[in-house]
Structures are given as C-alpha cells and as structure tokens.
Amino acid sequence: MNKPTSAPLRMLASTVLLCLFSSAAVAGTVEITYENSGTSSDNAGLHELSIDGVSTYAMNGKAKPPKQGKTWTATVNSYEDVQAGAGKFNKKPGDATKYNRTGYLFSYMDFRDELSTSSTAWNAAINQAVWKIMGKKGKLSSLATSIYNYATNGYSFIDNYNWSNSMTVYTSTNLRSEFYAPMAPIPNPIPSAVFLFGSMFIGLFGLLRRNSNNQAIAA
C-alpha cells in the first residue's frame, strides 16, 4: 500500500537536491588559485584549481597554464550568460556555439583522481579539440582530430547542446584566461537558503528510509 508513495518522494528529494546545488552557484566573481597540473598531460586535460577555497578539476581554455600558486579573479558564467554573449572566446554572433560544442565534449571528460594511460590520453585529446574549437592554430593528435571533426560537423544536438547542468565557465576579469569546471563550488560561508534546503533534503531522506522500512516489514 505504501509503495506508490515512494516515487513521488524520490522525485521531490531530487528536486530539492538540485535546488541545493543551484542555490550555491550564485553568479558573480570568485577568486581562483592554480594549484597544479592535476591529471593533465602536457597541459591538456584537467588541472587542479582552488575556487574560493574549494578544490576542483577544471579544463583550461588555453594551451598555456598559469604558474603554480597564481591567483586571479574570475567571472562565473552560466549557460545563459554565455548565450547572452559572455566568455573570453565569445567575440561575435554565433560564438556561443563554440561553448555548446565544448560543453558537449566536457561531459565526456574523466574526473577520477587517478587515470589510466588511455583515460589520460582521452582527456588530453578532448582538451586539444576544445583549444581548436576556440581558435587555436596548429596540428592535433589523430584522436584529437577525430574528436574535433565530430564536434564541428554541424550536428544540431552538439551545436545546440545545453550544458547548464554539467559545466561552469570561469572567465578571468581581464579576459586573459578561462577555465571550465563541473559546477560552481559552494561559497563560504554557506547561505542560509542552503541550510534550509539541506534540512528539507535530510527530512525527505528520512521519509524515504521510513517508507522503505515499512515496505520491507509489509513484505
């Protein structure tokens, strides 16, 4: 009898969790420090950054990385911001497509802390293709060339890809650098709204567990 209640509760819990992360991703500026080369290879792949004190992996929009320990201020650009013209490489009408293609490829990056040789090469090839998409000249590896050709072949689902739930664009305020990270880090201190949504989520989690226990007893 209790089983039909489970699905709506799970949907509601998922919605609240989404709101929790969305409320943390407040548009504005952040302070970024370049920590190290992360899991990248020859500067291509994922670098480790500290964004407002929160460590994360991010893909560099340029082939040359900053010096270790360098700190700068960056604008947090969402999908909507980029579609409206924000971004270092968004210089003329239609350039938002570059970011849509990048967002599509970004969703295939491997964010594990330890990577195999093949996964490292895969991440590097994606990053090299992104550099080319953003306008860098020069030769690509055979794998990067294949990825680039596929991403720029004019497929509608790639050119119009909505990356709002997978990528955040951090453009330096002087427009000299740009990084792409999975999501905006939770600011410190955490806004009161986050505590509110967090409490709601914990309550819903309790309801789900109690509902599951009732089902187990009934069985």
C-alpha atoms as a PDB file:
ATOM      1  CA  MET A   1       0.000   0.000   0.000  1.00  0.00           C
ATOM      2  CA  ASN A   2       2.867   2.362   0.709  1.00  0.00           C
ATOM      3  CA  LYS A   3       4.772   1.579  -2.477  1.00  0.00           C
ATOM      4  CA  PRO A   4       3.143   4.207  -4.775  1.00  0.00           C
ATOM      5  CA  THR A   5       4.310   6.961  -2.378  1.00  0.00           C
ATOM      6  CA  SER A   6       7.990   6.148  -2.927  1.00  0.00           C
ATOM      7  CA  ALA A   7       8.364   7.512  -6.474  1.00  0.00           C
ATOM      8  CA  PRO A   8       6.869  10.992  -5.769  1.00  0.00           C
ATOM      9  CA  LEU A   9       9.050  11.303  -2.663  1.00  0.00           C
ATOM     10  CA  ARG A  10      12.156  10.409  -4.624  1.00  0.00           C
ATOM     11  CA  MET A  11      11.272  12.947  -7.308  1.00  0.00           C
ATOM     12  CA  LEU A  12      10.732  15.628  -4.677  1.00  0.00           C
ATOM     13  CA  ALA A  13      14.020  14.764  -2.971  1.00  0.00           C
ATOM     14  CA  SER A  14      15.857  15.014  -6.293  1.00  0.00           C
ATOM     15  CA  THR A  15      14.287  18.415  -6.936  1.00  0.00           C
ATOM     16  CA  VAL A  16      15.356  19.702  -3.531  1.00  0.00           C
ATOM     17  CA  LEU A  17      18.893  18.404  -4.059  1.00  0.00           C
ATOM     18  CA  LEU A  18      19.051  20.214  -7.393  1.00  0.00           C
ATOM     19  CA  CYS A  19      17.907  23.413  -5.683  1.00  0.00           C
ATOM     20  CA  LEU A  20      20.601  22.898  -3.070  1.00  0.00           C
ATOM     21  CA  PHE A  21      23.359  22.937  -5.652  1.00  0.00           C
ATOM     22  CA  SER A  22      21.722  25.629  -7.766  1.00  0.00           C
ATOM     23  CA  SER A  23      21.411  27.991  -4.793  1.00  0.00           C
ATOM     24  CA  ALA A  24      25.144  27.603  -4.189  1.00  0.00           C
ATOM     25  CA  ALA A  25      26.030  28.509  -7.758  1.00  0.00           C
ATOM     26  CA  VAL A  26      25.464  32.213  -7.341  1.00  0.00           C
ATOM     27  CA  ALA A  27      26.560  34.359 -10.292  1.00  0.00           C
ATOM     28  CA  GLY A  28      29.304  36.869  -9.609  1.00  0.00           C
ATOM     29  CA  THR A  29      33.080  36.776  -9.224  1.00  0.00           C
ATOM     30  CA  VAL A  30      35.337  34.283  -7.477  1.00  0.00           C
ATOM     31  CA  GLU A  31      38.997  34.037  -6.546  1.00  0.00           C
ATOM     32  CA  ILE A  32      40.880  31.273  -8.327  1.00  0.00           C
ATOM     33  CA  THR A  33      44.293  29.841  -7.468  1.00  0.00           C
ATOM     34  CA  TYR A  34      46.114  27.493  -9.821  1.00  0.00           C
ATOM     35  CA  GLU A  35      47.187  24.537  -7.682  1.00  0.00           C
ATOM     36  CA  ASN A  36      48.834  22.058 -10.053  1.00  0.00           C
ATOM     37  CA  SER A  37      48.568  20.233 -13.354  1.00  0.00           C
ATOM     38  CA  GLY A  38      46.102  17.716 -11.906  1.00  0.00           C
ATOM     39  CA  THR A  39      45.603  14.746 -14.207  1.00  0.00           C
ATOM     40  CA  SER A  40      46.512  16.643 -17.385  1.00  0.00           C
ATOM     41  CA  SER A  41      49.230  15.562 -19.806  1.00  0.00           C
ATOM     42  CA  ASP A  42      51.418  18.216 -21.466  1.00  0.00           C
ATOM     43  CA  ASN A  43      48.950  20.814 -20.131  1.00  0.00           C
ATOM     44  CA  ALA A  44      45.987  19.137 -21.861  1.00  0.00           C
ATOM     45  CA  GLY A  45      43.280  17.605 -19.702  1.00  0.00           C
ATOM     46  CA  LEU A  46      42.164  18.521 -16.205  1.00  0.00           C
ATOM     47  CA  HIS A  47      44.089  20.883 -13.924  1.00  0.00           C
ATOM     48  CA  GLU A  48      43.514  21.349 -10.208  1.00  0.00           C
ATOM     49  CA  LEU A  49      42.243  24.754  -9.121  1.00  0.00           C
ATOM     50  CA  SER A  50      41.073  26.276  -5.860  1.00  0.00           C
ATOM     51  CA  ILE A  51      37.910  28.323  -6.435  1.00  0.00           C
ATOM     52  CA  ASP A  52      37.041  30.433  -3.401  1.00  0.00           C
ATOM     53  CA  GLY A  53      38.927  27.890  -1.324  1.00  0.00           C
ATOM     54  CA  VAL A  54      37.240  24.812  -2.832  1.00  0.00           C
ATOM     55  CA  SER A  55      39.449  22.439  -4.839  1.00  0.00           C
ATOM     56  CA  THR A  56      38.166  21.192  -8.172  1.00  0.00           C
ATOM     57  CA  TYR A  57      39.358  19.860 -11.509  1.00  0.00           C
ATOM     58  CA  ALA A  58      38.963  22.160 -14.498  1.00  0.00           C
ATOM     59  CA  MET A  59      39.804  22.247 -18.198  1.00  0.00           C
ATOM     60  CA  ASN A  60      41.903  25.141 -19.475  1.00  0.00           C
ATOM     61  CA  GLY A  61      40.644  27.115 -22.460  1.00  0.00           C
ATOM     62  CA  LYS A  62      44.258  27.968 -23.360  1.00  0.00           C
ATOM     63  CA  ALA A  63      47.178  25.686 -24.134  1.00  0.00           C
ATOM     64  CA  LYS A  64      49.477  27.508 -21.694  1.00  0.00           C
ATOM     65  CA  PRO A  65      48.636  27.052 -17.986  1.00  0.00           C
ATOM     66  CA  PRO A  66      49.187  29.684 -15.277  1.00  0.00           C
ATOM     67  CA  LYS A  67      52.143  29.440 -12.903  1.00  0.00           C
ATOM     68  CA  GLN A  68      51.583  27.286  -9.839  1.00  0.00           C
ATOM     69  CA  GLY A  69      50.199  29.362  -6.986  1.00  0.00           C
ATOM     70  CA  LYS A  70      48.986  32.200  -9.220  1.00  0.00           C
ATOM     71  CA  THR A  71      45.734  33.776  -8.057  1.00  0.00           C
ATOM     72  CA  TRP A  72      43.245  35.809 -10.081  1.00  0.00           C
ATOM     73  CA  THR A  73      39.636  36.956 -10.088  1.00  0.00           C
ATOM     74  CA  ALA A  74      37.160  35.385 -12.498  1.00  0.00           C
ATOM     75  CA  THR A  75      33.567  35.905 -13.514  1.00  0.00           C
ATOM     76  CA  VAL A  76      31.253  32.928 -13.057  1.00  0.00           C
ATOM     77  CA  ASN A  77      29.422  32.462 -16.349  1.00  0.00           C
ATOM     78  CA  SER A  78      26.447  30.138 -16.702  1.00  0.00           C
ATOM     79  CA  TYR A  79      24.956  28.699 -19.871  1.00  0.00           C
ATOM     80  CA  GLU A  80      22.522  31.613 -20.029  1.00  0.00           C
ATOM     81  CA  ASP A  81      25.350  34.150 -19.580  1.00  0.00           C
ATOM     82  CA  VAL A  82      27.318  32.668 -22.462  1.00  0.00           C
ATOM     83  CA  GLN A  83      24.276  32.549 -24.735  1.00  0.00           C
ATOM     84  CA  ALA A  84      23.898  36.272 -23.983  1.00  0.00           C
ATOM     85  CA  GLY A  85      27.493  36.992 -25.052  1.00  0.00           C
ATOM     86  CA  ALA A  86      29.719  36.341 -22.013  1.00  0.00           C
ATOM     87  CA  GLY A  87      33.015  34.458 -22.271  1.00  0.00           C
ATOM     88  CA  LYS A  88      36.594  35.072 -23.396  1.00  0.00           C
ATOM     89  CA  PHE A  89      36.067  33.458 -26.800  1.00  0.00           C
ATOM     90  CA  ASN A  90      32.567  34.837 -27.367  1.00  0.00           C
ATOM     91  CA  LYS A  91      33.525  37.721 -29.658  1.00  0.00           C
ATOM     92  CA  LYS A  92      30.984  37.651 -32.472  1.00  0.00           C
ATOM     93  CA  PRO A  93      27.447  36.384 -33.152  1.00  0.00           C
ATOM     94  CA  GLY A  94      27.340  32.630 -33.221  1.00  0.00           C
ATOM     95  CA  ASP A  95      30.385  32.109 -31.000  1.00  0.00           C
ATOM     96  CA  ALA A  96      28.187  30.675 -28.248  1.00  0.00           C
ATOM     97  CA  THR A  97      28.166  27.548 -30.424  1.00  0.00           C
ATOM     98  CA  LYS A  98      31.850  27.106 -29.513  1.00  0.00           C
ATOM     99  CA  TYR A  99      30.839  26.798 -25.879  1.00  0.00           C
ATOM    100  CA  ASN A 100      27.973  24.437 -26.701  1.00  0.00           C
ATOM    101  CA  ARG A 101      30.427  22.156 -28.501  1.00  0.00           C
ATOM    102  CA  THR A 102      32.870  22.471 -25.607  1.00  0.00           C
ATOM    103  CA  GLY A 103      30.112  21.685 -23.115  1.00  0.00           C
ATOM    104  CA  TYR A 104      29.211  18.569 -25.054  1.00  0.00           C
ATOM    105  CA  LEU A 105      32.802  17.324 -25.083  1.00  0.00           C
ATOM    106  CA  PHE A 106      33.270  18.361 -21.449  1.00  0.00           C
ATOM    107  CA  SER A 107      30.531  15.946 -20.406  1.00  0.00           C
ATOM    108  CA  TYR A 108      32.781  13.093 -21.600  1.00  0.00           C
ATOM    109  CA  MET A 109      35.838  14.058 -19.515  1.00  0.00           C
ATOM    110  CA  ASP A 110      37.079  11.576 -16.907  1.00  0.00           C
ATOM    111  CA  PHE A 111      37.155  13.301 -13.486  1.00  0.00           C
ATOM    112  CA  ARG A 112      38.636  10.479 -11.430  1.00  0.00           C
ATOM    113  CA  ASP A 113      41.647  11.304  -9.255  1.00  0.00           C
ATOM    114  CA  GLU A 114      43.718   8.530 -10.783  1.00  0.00           C
ATOM    115  CA  LEU A 115      43.583   7.821 -14.506  1.00  0.00           C
ATOM    116  CA  SER A 116      44.844   5.053 -16.718  1.00  0.00           C
ATOM    117  CA  THR A 117      47.123   5.904 -19.623  1.00  0.00           C
ATOM    118  CA  SER A 118      44.198   5.643 -22.056  1.00  0.00           C
ATOM    119  CA  SER A 119      41.945   7.880 -19.918  1.00  0.00           C
ATOM    120  CA  THR A 120      44.703  10.489 -19.626  1.00  0.00           C
ATOM    121  CA  ALA A 121      45.127  10.460 -23.407  1.00  0.00           C
ATOM    122  CA  TRP A 122      41.342  10.722 -23.859  1.00  0.00           C
ATOM    123  CA  ASN A 123      41.093  13.790 -21.607  1.00  0.00           C
ATOM    124  CA  ALA A 124      44.068  15.393 -23.333  1.00  0.00           C
ATOM    125  CA  ALA A 125      42.568  14.810 -26.785  1.00  0.00           C
ATOM    126  CA  ILE A 126      39.265  16.386 -25.755  1.00  0.00           C
ATOM    127  CA  ASN A 127      41.093  19.424 -24.375  1.00  0.00           C
ATOM    128  CA  GLN A 128      43.165  19.776 -27.548  1.00  0.00           C
ATOM    129  CA  ALA A 129      39.972  19.639 -29.607  1.00  0.00           C
ATOM    130  CA  VAL A 130      38.499  22.377 -27.395  1.00  0.00           C
ATOM    131  CA  TRP A 131      41.552  24.574 -27.980  1.00  0.00           C
ATOM    132  CA  LYS A 132      40.991  24.146 -31.709  1.00  0.00           C
ATOM    133  CA  ILE A 133      37.290  24.906 -31.343  1.00  0.00           C
ATOM    134  CA  MET A 134      38.166  28.118 -29.507  1.00  0.00           C
ATOM    135  CA  GLY A 135      40.508  29.172 -32.323  1.00  0.00           C
ATOM    136  CA  LYS A 136      43.991  27.814 -31.550  1.00  0.00           C
ATOM    137  CA  LYS A 137      46.058  27.009 -34.636  1.00  0.00           C
ATOM    138  CA  GLY A 138      48.369  24.055 -35.004  1.00  0.00           C
ATOM    139  CA  LYS A 139      48.291  20.312 -35.533  1.00  0.00           C
ATOM    140  CA  LEU A 140      46.259  17.941 -33.398  1.00  0.00           C
ATOM    141  CA  SER A 141      46.883  14.340 -32.473  1.00  0.00           C
ATOM    142  CA  SER A 142      44.936  11.806 -34.531  1.00  0.00           C
ATOM    143  CA  LEU A 143      42.492  11.216 -31.664  1.00  0.00           C
ATOM    144  CA  ALA A 144      42.034  14.952 -31.037  1.00  0.00           C
ATOM    145  CA  THR A 145      41.469  15.478 -34.767  1.00  0.00           C
ATOM    146  CA  SER A 146      38.727  12.848 -34.807  1.00  0.00           C
ATOM    147  CA  ILE A 147      37.061  14.419 -31.771  1.00  0.00           C
ATOM    148  CA  TYR A 148      37.314  17.908 -33.240  1.00  0.00           C
ATOM    149  CA  ASN A 149      35.891  16.823 -36.607  1.00  0.00           C
ATOM    150  CA  TYR A 150      32.970  15.100 -34.908  1.00  0.00           C
ATOM    151  CA  ALA A 151      32.206  18.080 -32.648  1.00  0.00           C
ATOM    152  CA  THR A 152      32.318  20.580 -35.511  1.00  0.00           C
ATOM    153  CA  ASN A 153      30.478  18.534 -38.121  1.00  0.00           C
ATOM    154  CA  GLY A 154      27.320  20.606 -37.732  1.00  0.00           C
ATOM    155  CA  TYR A 155      25.268  18.171 -35.678  1.00  0.00           C
ATOM    156  CA  SER A 156      22.346  20.070 -34.187  1.00  0.00           C
ATOM    157  CA  PHE A 157      22.417  18.183 -30.876  1.00  0.00           C
ATOM    158  CA  ILE A 158      26.045  19.296 -30.389  1.00  0.00           C
ATOM    159  CA  ASP A 159      25.805  22.855 -31.737  1.00  0.00           C
ATOM    160  CA  ASN A 160      22.757  23.470 -29.531  1.00  0.00           C
ATOM    161  CA  TYR A 161      23.889  21.395 -26.572  1.00  0.00           C
ATOM    162  CA  ASN A 162      22.623  22.733 -23.227  1.00  0.00           C
ATOM    163  CA  TRP A 163      25.500  22.310 -20.792  1.00  0.00           C
ATOM    164  CA  SER A 164      23.832  24.201 -17.928  1.00  0.00           C
ATOM    165  CA  ASN A 165      23.828  21.140 -15.650  1.00  0.00           C
ATOM    166  CA  SER A 166      27.351  19.960 -16.396  1.00  0.00           C
ATOM    167  CA  MET A 167      29.736  22.898 -16.846  1.00  0.00           C
ATOM    168  CA  THR A 168      30.525  26.338 -15.433  1.00  0.00           C
ATOM    169  CA  VAL A 169      32.694  28.850 -17.306  1.00  0.00           C
ATOM    170  CA  TYR A 170      35.201  30.859 -15.250  1.00  0.00           C
ATOM    171  CA  THR A 171      36.430  33.815 -17.300  1.00  0.00           C
ATOM    172  CA  SER A 172      39.186  35.939 -15.756  1.00  0.00           C
ATOM    173  CA  THR A 173      38.084  39.525 -15.279  1.00  0.00           C
ATOM    174  CA  ASN A 174      40.957  40.665 -17.520  1.00  0.00           C
ATOM    175  CA  LEU A 175      39.811  38.165 -20.208  1.00  0.00           C
ATOM    176  CA  ARG A 176      43.266  36.553 -20.360  1.00  0.00           C
ATOM    177  CA  SER A 177      42.269  33.098 -19.194  1.00  0.00           C
ATOM    178  CA  GLU A 178      39.261  30.831 -18.982  1.00  0.00           C
ATOM    179  CA  PHE A 179      38.596  27.511 -17.268  1.00  0.00           C
ATOM    180  CA  TYR A 180      35.688  25.087 -17.466  1.00  0.00           C
ATOM    181  CA  ALA A 181      34.711  23.248 -14.284  1.00  0.00           C
ATOM    182  CA  PRO A 182      31.913  20.785 -13.398  1.00  0.00           C
ATOM    183  CA  MET A 183      29.945  23.149 -11.173  1.00  0.00           C
ATOM    184  CA  ALA A 184      30.279  26.310  -9.117  1.00  0.00           C
ATOM    185  CA  PRO A 185      31.708  25.493  -5.667  1.00  0.00           C
ATOM    186  CA  ILE A 186      29.617  26.118  -2.567  1.00  0.00           C
ATOM    187  CA  PRO A 187      30.590  29.561  -1.239  1.00  0.00           C
ATOM    188  CA  ASN A 188      31.855  30.081   2.287  1.00  0.00           C
ATOM    189  CA  PRO A 189      30.017  30.937   4.449  1.00  0.00           C
ATOM    190  CA  ILE A 190      27.110  28.845   3.151  1.00  0.00           C
ATOM    191  CA  PRO A 191      23.974  30.961   2.570  1.00  0.00           C
ATOM    192  CA  SER A 192      21.022  30.376   4.887  1.00  0.00           C
ATOM    193  CA  ALA A 193      18.984  29.148   1.925  1.00  0.00           C
ATOM    194  CA  VAL A 194      21.372  26.210   1.568  1.00  0.00           C
ATOM    195  CA  PHE A 195      20.788  25.240   5.208  1.00  0.00           C
ATOM    196  CA  LEU A 196      17.042  25.436   4.559  1.00  0.00           C
ATOM    197  CA  PHE A 197      17.179  23.195   1.514  1.00  0.00           C
ATOM    198  CA  GLY A 198      19.654  20.909   3.273  1.00  0.00           C
ATOM    199  CA  SER A 199      17.261  20.448   6.192  1.00  0.00           C
ATOM    200  CA  MET A 200      14.422  19.706   3.790  1.00  0.00           C
ATOM    201  CA  PHE A 201      16.545  17.127   1.985  1.00  0.00           C
ATOM    202  CA  ILE A 202      17.549  15.410   5.234  1.00  0.00           C
ATOM    203  CA  GLY A 203      13.865  15.253   6.216  1.00  0.00           C
ATOM    204  CA  LEU A 204      12.898  13.772   2.861  1.00  0.00           C
ATOM    205  CA  PHE A 205      15.714  11.253   3.122  1.00  0.00           C
ATOM    206  CA  GLY A 206      14.302  10.176   6.491  1.00  0.00           C
ATOM    207  CA  LEU A 207      10.850   9.772   4.987  1.00  0.00           C
ATOM    208  CA  LEU A 208      12.240   7.675   2.166  1.00  0.00           C
ATOM    209  CA  ARG A 209      14.061   5.393   4.605  1.00  0.00           C
ATOM    210  CA  ARG A 210      10.996   5.023   6.808  1.00  0.00           C
ATOM    211  CA  ASN A 211       8.870   4.280   3.743  1.00  0.00           C
ATOM    212  CA  SER A 212      11.364   1.645   2.605  1.00  0.00           C
ATOM    213  CA  ASN A 213      11.389   0.056   6.061  1.00  0.00           C
ATOM    214  CA  ASN A 214       7.587  -0.087   6.107  1.00  0.00           C
ATOM    215  CA  GLN A 215       7.637  -1.811   2.735  1.00  0.00           C
ATOM    216  CA  ALA A 216      10.185  -4.356   3.994  1.00  0.00           C
ATOM    217  CA  ILE A 217       8.039  -5.097   7.086  1.00  0.00           C
ATOM    218  CA  ALA A 218       4.905  -5.424   4.977  1.00  0.00           C
ATOM    219  CA  ALA A 219       6.705  -7.891   2.708  1.00  0.00           C
END
